[in-house]
Amino acid sequence: MAKGKDLKKIMESLLKQKASENERAFLTELGFTVKNPTRQTVIMAALYKKAAAGDLSAIKELRSITGDSSLDVYRGAVTIVDDIKN
């Protein structure tokens, strides 16, 4: 079985490969026009679309990838209101 470093190298190699015709069609369906897309491009475009649709886990992932605090979804304090009367 492949070890951690080997798996990482394999994944990096896969992500650097040119996008297939199906993957390029997927990018077009998402509304992206990219010259020479890689598989990583396809994944990032799909992640962006999910984040743009309001998927909080996708927003968090984009924030962690870019380090952009403007994507922070936890800006304000959370207030819990007990509105159930006994």
Protein backbone atom coordinates (compact mmCIF):
# COMPACT_ATOMS: atom_id res chain seq x y z
CA MET A 1 0.00 0.00 0.00
CA ALA A 2 1.23 3.52 -0.81
CA LYS A 3 2.46 5.64 2.06
CA GLY A 4 1.43 9.24 2.83
CA LYS A 5 4.19 10.90 0.79
CA ASP A 6 3.52 8.60 -2.15
CA LEU A 7 -0.22 9.32 -2.04
CA LYS A 8 0.46 13.05 -1.94
CA LYS A 9 2.73 12.80 -5.00
CA ILE A 10 0.13 10.77 -6.85
CA MET A 11 -2.60 13.30 -6.06
CA GLU A 12 -0.41 16.25 -7.06
CA SER A 13 0.36 14.49 -10.34
CA LEU A 14 -3.34 13.87 -11.02
CA LEU A 15 -4.27 17.48 -10.27
CA LYS A 16 -1.60 18.83 -12.65
CA GLN A 17 -2.89 16.77 -15.58
CA LYS A 18 -4.80 18.49 -18.37
CA ALA A 19 -8.55 18.44 -17.95
CA SER A 20 -10.35 15.84 -20.05
CA GLU A 21 -12.96 16.80 -22.66
CA ASN A 22 -15.72 15.95 -20.17
CA GLU A 23 -14.06 18.10 -17.51
CA ARG A 24 -13.71 20.98 -20.00
CA ALA A 25 -17.40 20.62 -20.85
CA PHE A 26 -18.17 20.74 -17.14
CA LEU A 27 -16.25 24.02 -16.85
CA THR A 28 -18.26 25.43 -19.74
CA GLU A 29 -21.51 24.30 -18.09
CA LEU A 30 -20.43 26.14 -14.93
CA GLY A 31 -19.90 29.26 -17.04
CA PHE A 32 -16.09 29.31 -17.01
CA THR A 33 -13.85 29.80 -20.03
CA VAL A 34 -10.32 28.71 -19.16
CA LYS A 35 -7.41 28.26 -21.55
CA ASN A 36 -5.53 24.99 -20.87
CA PRO A 37 -7.41 23.96 -17.70
CA THR A 38 -6.03 21.32 -15.37
CA ARG A 39 -8.01 18.96 -13.19
CA GLN A 40 -7.24 21.28 -10.29
CA THR A 41 -8.90 24.11 -12.23
CA VAL A 42 -12.05 22.02 -12.59
CA ILE A 43 -12.13 21.27 -8.87
CA MET A 44 -11.58 24.90 -7.90
CA ALA A 45 -14.32 26.09 -10.27
CA ALA A 46 -16.77 23.60 -8.78
CA LEU A 47 -15.79 24.69 -5.27
CA TYR A 48 -16.28 28.36 -6.22
CA LYS A 49 -19.75 27.66 -7.63
CA LYS A 50 -20.78 25.89 -4.41
CA ALA A 51 -19.43 28.76 -2.31
CA ALA A 52 -21.20 31.32 -4.49
CA ALA A 53 -24.45 29.42 -3.94
CA GLY A 54 -24.01 29.80 -0.17
CA ASP A 55 -22.54 26.44 0.81
CA LEU A 56 -20.81 27.27 4.10
CA SER A 57 -18.38 24.36 3.94
CA ALA A 58 -17.28 25.49 0.46
CA ILE A 59 -16.88 29.07 1.72
CA LYS A 60 -14.74 27.84 4.62
CA GLU A 61 -12.62 25.76 2.26
CA LEU A 62 -12.06 28.69 -0.10
CA ARG A 63 -11.13 30.83 2.89
CA SER A 64 -8.60 28.24 4.06
CA ILE A 65 -7.11 27.91 0.57
CA THR A 66 -6.83 31.63 -0.11
CA GLY A 67 -6.26 32.84 3.45
CA ASP A 68 -8.76 35.60 2.68
CA SER A 69 -10.43 36.77 5.88
CA SER A 70 -13.00 38.73 3.85
CA LEU A 71 -14.64 35.34 3.26
CA ASP A 72 -15.07 34.96 7.01
CA VAL A 73 -18.61 33.81 7.72
CA TYR A 74 -18.29 34.33 11.49
CA ARG A 75 -17.85 38.11 11.69
CA GLY A 76 -20.51 38.92 14.25
CA ALA A 77 -21.27 37.47 17.62
CA VAL A 78 -23.84 34.72 17.82
CA THR A 79 -26.69 35.33 20.23
CA ILE A 80 -28.84 32.45 21.37
CA VAL A 81 -32.32 33.54 22.37
CA ASP A 82 -34.43 31.25 24.51
CA ASP A 83 -37.83 31.91 23.02
CA ILE A 84 -39.49 28.76 24.34
CA LYS A 85 -41.69 29.60 27.29
CA ASN A 86 -42.31 27.02 30.01
